[in-house]
Amino acid sequence: MSNYKKLAVWEKSHQLTLEIYKITALFPNDEMYGLISQLRRASSSIPANIAEGSGRGGSKEMAQFLRIAQGSAHEVEYHLLLARDLEFIKSETHLQLEEKIIEIQRMLAGLISTISSKN
């Protein structure tokens, strides 16, 4: 799995990261080292771990990095909920982003399952 850019889950998580960066640019400045940083790091961790895992060579390593990406996806899901509850994003925006992150979580779970079954 050397070309991670061909993976749909990588593309979707990369696009989500771009959206997160745009949305968090509108958050209050006093959140720069708080929620903004957390959301940006967690969201970018998803495609970064997919990329790193694909460069490791083995399916066992790839599955481990996908699990890390999965954890980051759950972290993003929570931080988006927090952003909504703090009224940094509208409920509609939260719902749209939540749908995307849940789809990414499902795709990661499926890919983990596929890779793990080959071992």
N, C-alpha and C. Protein backbone atom coordinates (compact mmCIF):
# COMPACT_ATOMS: atom_id res chain seq x y z
N MET A 1 0.83 -1.18 0.00
CA MET A 1 0.00 0.00 0.00
C MET A 1 0.88 1.25 0.00
N SER A 2 1.75 1.32 -0.95
CA SER A 2 2.73 2.39 -0.95
C SER A 2 2.18 3.74 -1.39
N ASN A 3 1.09 3.78 -2.15
CA ASN A 3 0.55 5.06 -2.58
C ASN A 3 -0.72 5.40 -1.80
N TYR A 4 -0.52 6.01 -0.66
CA TYR A 4 -1.63 6.35 0.22
C TYR A 4 -2.60 7.33 -0.42
N LYS A 5 -2.13 8.14 -1.37
CA LYS A 5 -2.99 9.15 -2.00
C LYS A 5 -4.11 8.51 -2.82
N LYS A 6 -3.97 7.24 -3.14
CA LYS A 6 -5.02 6.54 -3.88
C LYS A 6 -6.12 6.00 -2.98
N LEU A 7 -5.91 6.05 -1.67
CA LEU A 7 -6.90 5.55 -0.72
C LEU A 7 -7.99 6.61 -0.51
N ALA A 8 -9.24 6.20 -0.70
CA ALA A 8 -10.36 7.13 -0.53
C ALA A 8 -10.40 7.70 0.88
N VAL A 9 -10.07 6.89 1.87
CA VAL A 9 -10.11 7.37 3.26
C VAL A 9 -9.04 8.44 3.49
N TRP A 10 -7.90 8.32 2.82
CA TRP A 10 -6.88 9.36 2.95
C TRP A 10 -7.39 10.66 2.33
N GLU A 11 -7.97 10.58 1.14
CA GLU A 11 -8.48 11.77 0.46
C GLU A 11 -9.56 12.45 1.29
N LYS A 12 -10.49 11.68 1.83
CA LYS A 12 -11.56 12.25 2.63
C LYS A 12 -11.01 12.88 3.91
N SER A 13 -10.05 12.25 4.54
CA SER A 13 -9.49 12.81 5.77
C SER A 13 -8.64 14.04 5.47
N HIS A 14 -7.98 14.06 4.33
CA HIS A 14 -7.22 15.25 3.93
C HIS A 14 -8.17 16.43 3.70
N GLN A 15 -9.27 16.17 2.98
CA GLN A 15 -10.25 17.23 2.73
C GLN A 15 -10.88 17.73 4.03
N LEU A 16 -11.15 16.81 4.96
CA LEU A 16 -11.69 17.21 6.26
C LEU A 16 -10.70 18.11 6.99
N THR A 17 -9.43 17.78 6.93
CA THR A 17 -8.41 18.59 7.59
C THR A 17 -8.40 20.01 7.01
N LEU A 18 -8.50 20.11 5.71
CA LEU A 18 -8.55 21.44 5.08
C LEU A 18 -9.76 22.23 5.58
N GLU A 19 -10.90 21.56 5.71
CA GLU A 19 -12.11 22.22 6.24
C GLU A 19 -11.92 22.66 7.68
N ILE A 20 -11.31 21.79 8.48
CA ILE A 20 -11.07 22.11 9.89
C ILE A 20 -10.18 23.35 10.00
N TYR A 21 -9.15 23.44 9.18
CA TYR A 21 -8.29 24.62 9.21
C TYR A 21 -9.06 25.89 8.89
N LYS A 22 -9.94 25.83 7.89
CA LYS A 22 -10.73 27.01 7.52
C LYS A 22 -11.70 27.41 8.63
N ILE A 23 -12.37 26.41 9.20
CA ILE A 23 -13.36 26.68 10.24
C ILE A 23 -12.71 27.21 11.51
N THR A 24 -11.60 26.61 11.91
CA THR A 24 -10.95 27.04 13.16
C THR A 24 -10.31 28.42 13.02
N ALA A 25 -10.08 28.88 11.81
CA ALA A 25 -9.56 30.24 11.61
C ALA A 25 -10.57 31.28 12.11
N LEU A 26 -11.82 30.87 12.24
CA LEU A 26 -12.88 31.77 12.70
C LEU A 26 -13.13 31.68 14.21
N PHE A 27 -12.45 30.78 14.88
CA PHE A 27 -12.60 30.63 16.33
C PHE A 27 -11.98 31.84 17.04
N PRO A 28 -12.37 32.07 18.29
CA PRO A 28 -11.77 33.18 19.05
C PRO A 28 -10.25 33.00 19.16
N ASN A 29 -9.54 34.11 19.11
CA ASN A 29 -8.07 34.08 19.18
C ASN A 29 -7.54 33.44 20.46
N ASP A 30 -8.29 33.55 21.55
CA ASP A 30 -7.80 32.97 22.80
C ASP A 30 -7.85 31.44 22.78
N GLU A 31 -8.40 30.85 21.73
CA GLU A 31 -8.40 29.39 21.56
C GLU A 31 -7.24 28.91 20.70
N MET A 32 -6.34 29.81 20.31
CA MET A 32 -5.22 29.44 19.42
C MET A 32 -4.43 28.26 19.97
N TYR A 33 -4.17 28.25 21.26
CA TYR A 33 -3.38 27.16 21.85
C TYR A 33 -4.25 26.14 22.57
N GLY A 34 -5.55 26.27 22.38
CA GLY A 34 -6.50 25.34 22.97
C GLY A 34 -7.19 24.51 21.90
N LEU A 35 -8.45 24.80 21.72
CA LEU A 35 -9.27 23.99 20.82
C LEU A 35 -8.82 24.07 19.36
N ILE A 36 -8.36 25.22 18.92
CA ILE A 36 -7.88 25.35 17.54
C ILE A 36 -6.73 24.38 17.31
N SER A 37 -5.76 24.43 18.18
CA SER A 37 -4.58 23.56 18.07
C SER A 37 -4.97 22.09 18.15
N GLN A 38 -5.84 21.74 19.09
CA GLN A 38 -6.25 20.35 19.27
C GLN A 38 -6.97 19.82 18.04
N LEU A 39 -7.90 20.60 17.51
CA LEU A 39 -8.66 20.16 16.33
C LEU A 39 -7.76 20.02 15.11
N ARG A 40 -6.87 20.97 14.93
CA ARG A 40 -5.98 20.92 13.77
C ARG A 40 -5.02 19.75 13.87
N ARG A 41 -4.45 19.53 15.04
CA ARG A 41 -3.50 18.42 15.20
C ARG A 41 -4.19 17.07 15.07
N ALA A 42 -5.36 16.93 15.67
CA ALA A 42 -6.07 15.65 15.60
C ALA A 42 -6.54 15.36 14.18
N SER A 43 -7.06 16.37 13.49
CA SER A 43 -7.55 16.13 12.13
C SER A 43 -6.40 15.81 11.17
N SER A 44 -5.30 16.53 11.29
CA SER A 44 -4.17 16.26 10.38
C SER A 44 -3.47 14.95 10.72
N SER A 45 -3.66 14.47 11.94
CA SER A 45 -3.08 13.19 12.34
C SER A 45 -3.70 12.02 11.59
N ILE A 46 -4.95 12.17 11.17
CA ILE A 46 -5.62 11.08 10.46
C ILE A 46 -4.93 10.78 9.13
N PRO A 47 -4.87 11.74 8.20
CA PRO A 47 -4.19 11.42 6.94
C PRO A 47 -2.69 11.21 7.11
N ALA A 48 -2.08 11.86 8.09
CA ALA A 48 -0.64 11.68 8.31
C ALA A 48 -0.33 10.25 8.75
N ASN A 49 -1.15 9.67 9.61
CA ASN A 49 -0.92 8.30 10.04
C ASN A 49 -1.22 7.29 8.95
N ILE A 50 -2.19 7.60 8.09
CA ILE A 50 -2.43 6.73 6.94
C ILE A 50 -1.20 6.74 6.04
N ALA A 51 -0.66 7.93 5.80
CA ALA A 51 0.53 8.05 4.95
C ALA A 51 1.73 7.34 5.58
N GLU A 52 1.93 7.55 6.86
CA GLU A 52 3.08 6.92 7.52
C GLU A 52 2.95 5.40 7.52
N GLY A 53 1.77 4.90 7.81
CA GLY A 53 1.56 3.46 7.82
C GLY A 53 1.80 2.82 6.46
N SER A 54 1.40 3.53 5.42
CA SER A 54 1.58 2.97 4.08
C SER A 54 3.06 2.92 3.70
N GLY A 55 3.85 3.76 4.32
CA GLY A 55 5.28 3.77 4.03
C GLY A 55 6.08 2.78 4.84
N ARG A 56 5.46 2.08 5.75
CA ARG A 56 6.16 1.14 6.62
C ARG A 56 6.37 -0.23 5.97
N GLY A 57 5.61 -0.53 4.95
CA GLY A 57 5.87 -1.76 4.22
C GLY A 57 5.02 -2.95 4.57
N GLY A 58 4.76 -3.19 5.83
CA GLY A 58 4.02 -4.38 6.22
C GLY A 58 2.59 -4.09 6.61
N SER A 59 1.75 -5.10 6.43
CA SER A 59 0.33 -4.91 6.74
C SER A 59 0.09 -4.76 8.25
N LYS A 60 0.91 -5.41 9.06
CA LYS A 60 0.77 -5.29 10.51
C LYS A 60 1.04 -3.85 10.95
N GLU A 61 2.08 -3.25 10.38
CA GLU A 61 2.41 -1.86 10.70
C GLU A 61 1.33 -0.92 10.19
N MET A 62 0.84 -1.19 8.98
CA MET A 62 -0.21 -0.36 8.40
C MET A 62 -1.45 -0.39 9.29
N ALA A 63 -1.84 -1.56 9.74
CA ALA A 63 -3.02 -1.67 10.61
C ALA A 63 -2.83 -0.88 11.90
N GLN A 64 -1.62 -0.91 12.46
CA GLN A 64 -1.35 -0.16 13.69
C GLN A 64 -1.51 1.35 13.47
N PHE A 65 -0.98 1.86 12.36
CA PHE A 65 -1.10 3.29 12.08
C PHE A 65 -2.55 3.67 11.75
N LEU A 66 -3.30 2.76 11.15
CA LEU A 66 -4.71 3.02 10.91
C LEU A 66 -5.48 3.09 12.22
N ARG A 67 -5.08 2.28 13.19
CA ARG A 67 -5.72 2.34 14.52
C ARG A 67 -5.43 3.68 15.19
N ILE A 68 -4.24 4.19 15.02
CA ILE A 68 -3.89 5.52 15.56
C ILE A 68 -4.74 6.57 14.87
N ALA A 69 -4.88 6.47 13.54
CA ALA A 69 -5.73 7.39 12.79
C ALA A 69 -7.16 7.31 13.29
N GLN A 70 -7.62 6.11 13.59
CA GLN A 70 -8.97 5.90 14.10
C GLN A 70 -9.16 6.64 15.44
N GLY A 71 -8.17 6.53 16.30
CA GLY A 71 -8.22 7.25 17.58
C GLY A 71 -8.29 8.75 17.36
N SER A 72 -7.51 9.26 16.44
CA SER A 72 -7.54 10.69 16.12
C SER A 72 -8.90 11.10 15.57
N ALA A 73 -9.52 10.24 14.78
CA ALA A 73 -10.85 10.54 14.24
C ALA A 73 -11.88 10.67 15.36
N HIS A 74 -11.76 9.83 16.36
CA HIS A 74 -12.68 9.93 17.51
C HIS A 74 -12.40 11.21 18.31
N GLU A 75 -11.14 11.57 18.39
CA GLU A 75 -10.78 12.82 19.07
C GLU A 75 -11.38 14.02 18.33
N VAL A 76 -11.30 14.03 17.01
CA VAL A 76 -11.90 15.10 16.21
C VAL A 76 -13.40 15.15 16.45
N GLU A 77 -14.03 13.99 16.47
CA GLU A 77 -15.48 13.94 16.70
C GLU A 77 -15.85 14.65 18.01
N TYR A 78 -15.08 14.37 19.06
CA TYR A 78 -15.36 15.03 20.35
C TYR A 78 -15.09 16.54 20.29
N HIS A 79 -13.97 16.92 19.72
CA HIS A 79 -13.63 18.34 19.67
C HIS A 79 -14.65 19.15 18.85
N LEU A 80 -15.22 18.54 17.83
CA LEU A 80 -16.28 19.20 17.07
C LEU A 80 -17.53 19.38 17.92
N LEU A 81 -17.85 18.38 18.73
CA LEU A 81 -18.98 18.49 19.66
C LEU A 81 -18.74 19.62 20.65
N LEU A 82 -17.53 19.69 21.17
CA LEU A 82 -17.18 20.76 22.11
C LEU A 82 -17.28 22.13 21.44
N ALA A 83 -16.78 22.23 20.21
CA ALA A 83 -16.86 23.50 19.48
C ALA A 83 -18.31 23.93 19.27
N ARG A 84 -19.17 22.95 19.00
CA ARG A 84 -20.59 23.27 18.85
C ARG A 84 -21.19 23.76 20.16
N ASP A 85 -20.88 23.04 21.25
CA ASP A 85 -21.45 23.39 22.54
C ASP A 85 -20.92 24.73 23.06
N LEU A 86 -19.71 25.10 22.64
CA LEU A 86 -19.16 26.42 23.00
C LEU A 86 -19.63 27.51 22.03
N GLU A 87 -20.43 27.10 21.06
CA GLU A 87 -21.00 27.98 20.04
C GLU A 87 -19.94 28.62 19.14
N PHE A 88 -18.86 27.87 18.89
CA PHE A 88 -17.84 28.31 17.93
C PHE A 88 -18.24 27.91 16.51
N ILE A 89 -19.07 26.86 16.41
CA ILE A 89 -19.62 26.46 15.11
C ILE A 89 -21.12 26.26 15.28
N LYS A 90 -21.84 26.45 14.19
CA LYS A 90 -23.29 26.27 14.21
C LYS A 90 -23.63 24.78 14.21
N SER A 91 -24.81 24.48 14.66
CA SER A 91 -25.27 23.09 14.70
C SER A 91 -25.25 22.45 13.32
N GLU A 92 -25.61 23.22 12.29
CA GLU A 92 -25.62 22.68 10.93
C GLU A 92 -24.21 22.31 10.48
N THR A 93 -23.27 23.18 10.80
CA THR A 93 -21.86 22.91 10.46
C THR A 93 -21.37 21.69 11.21
N HIS A 94 -21.72 21.61 12.48
CA HIS A 94 -21.33 20.45 13.28
C HIS A 94 -21.87 19.16 12.67
N LEU A 95 -23.12 19.18 12.29
CA LEU A 95 -23.75 17.99 11.72
C LEU A 95 -23.04 17.56 10.43
N GLN A 96 -22.73 18.50 9.57
CA GLN A 96 -22.03 18.19 8.32
C GLN A 96 -20.66 17.58 8.59
N LEU A 97 -19.93 18.18 9.52
CA LEU A 97 -18.59 17.68 9.84
C LEU A 97 -18.66 16.34 10.56
N GLU A 98 -19.65 16.18 11.42
CA GLU A 98 -19.83 14.91 12.14
C GLU A 98 -20.10 13.78 11.15
N GLU A 99 -20.92 14.03 10.16
CA GLU A 99 -21.19 13.00 9.15
C GLU A 99 -19.91 12.59 8.44
N LYS A 100 -19.08 13.56 8.13
CA LYS A 100 -17.82 13.27 7.45
C LYS A 100 -16.87 12.47 8.34
N ILE A 101 -16.77 12.83 9.59
CA ILE A 101 -15.83 12.14 10.47
C ILE A 101 -16.32 10.72 10.77
N ILE A 102 -17.63 10.54 10.87
CA ILE A 102 -18.17 9.19 11.08
C ILE A 102 -17.92 8.32 9.86
N GLU A 103 -18.05 8.90 8.67
CA GLU A 103 -17.75 8.15 7.46
C GLU A 103 -16.27 7.73 7.44
N ILE A 104 -15.40 8.63 7.83
CA ILE A 104 -13.97 8.33 7.89
C ILE A 104 -13.71 7.22 8.91
N GLN A 105 -14.35 7.29 10.06
CA GLN A 105 -14.19 6.24 11.08
C GLN A 105 -14.61 4.88 10.53
N ARG A 106 -15.72 4.85 9.81
CA ARG A 106 -16.19 3.58 9.23
C ARG A 106 -15.23 3.06 8.17
N MET A 107 -14.73 3.97 7.35
CA MET A 107 -13.79 3.56 6.31
C MET A 107 -12.50 3.01 6.93
N LEU A 108 -12.03 3.67 7.97
CA LEU A 108 -10.83 3.18 8.66
C LEU A 108 -11.08 1.81 9.26
N ALA A 109 -12.23 1.62 9.90
CA ALA A 109 -12.55 0.33 10.50
C ALA A 109 -12.58 -0.77 9.43
N GLY A 110 -13.17 -0.45 8.29
CA GLY A 110 -13.21 -1.43 7.20
C GLY A 110 -11.83 -1.77 6.67
N LEU A 111 -10.99 -0.76 6.52
CA LEU A 111 -9.64 -0.99 6.03
C LEU A 111 -8.81 -1.77 7.04
N ILE A 112 -8.97 -1.45 8.32
CA ILE A 112 -8.28 -2.21 9.38
C ILE A 112 -8.70 -3.66 9.33
N SER A 113 -9.99 -3.90 9.20
CA SER A 113 -10.51 -5.26 9.15
C SER A 113 -9.96 -6.01 7.96
N THR A 114 -9.93 -5.38 6.80
CA THR A 114 -9.41 -6.00 5.58
C THR A 114 -7.94 -6.35 5.73
N ILE A 115 -7.17 -5.41 6.23
CA ILE A 115 -5.72 -5.63 6.38
C ILE A 115 -5.45 -6.69 7.44
N SER A 116 -6.18 -6.62 8.56
CA SER A 116 -5.96 -7.58 9.64
C SER A 116 -6.33 -9.01 9.24
N SER A 117 -7.31 -9.15 8.38
CA SER A 117 -7.73 -10.49 7.96
C SER A 117 -6.70 -11.16 7.05
N LYS A 118 -5.82 -10.35 6.49
CA LYS A 118 -4.76 -10.91 5.62
C LYS A 118 -3.61 -11.47 6.42
N ASN A 119 -3.55 -11.15 7.70
CA ASN A 119 -2.45 -11.65 8.56
C ASN A 119 -2.75 -13.01 9.15
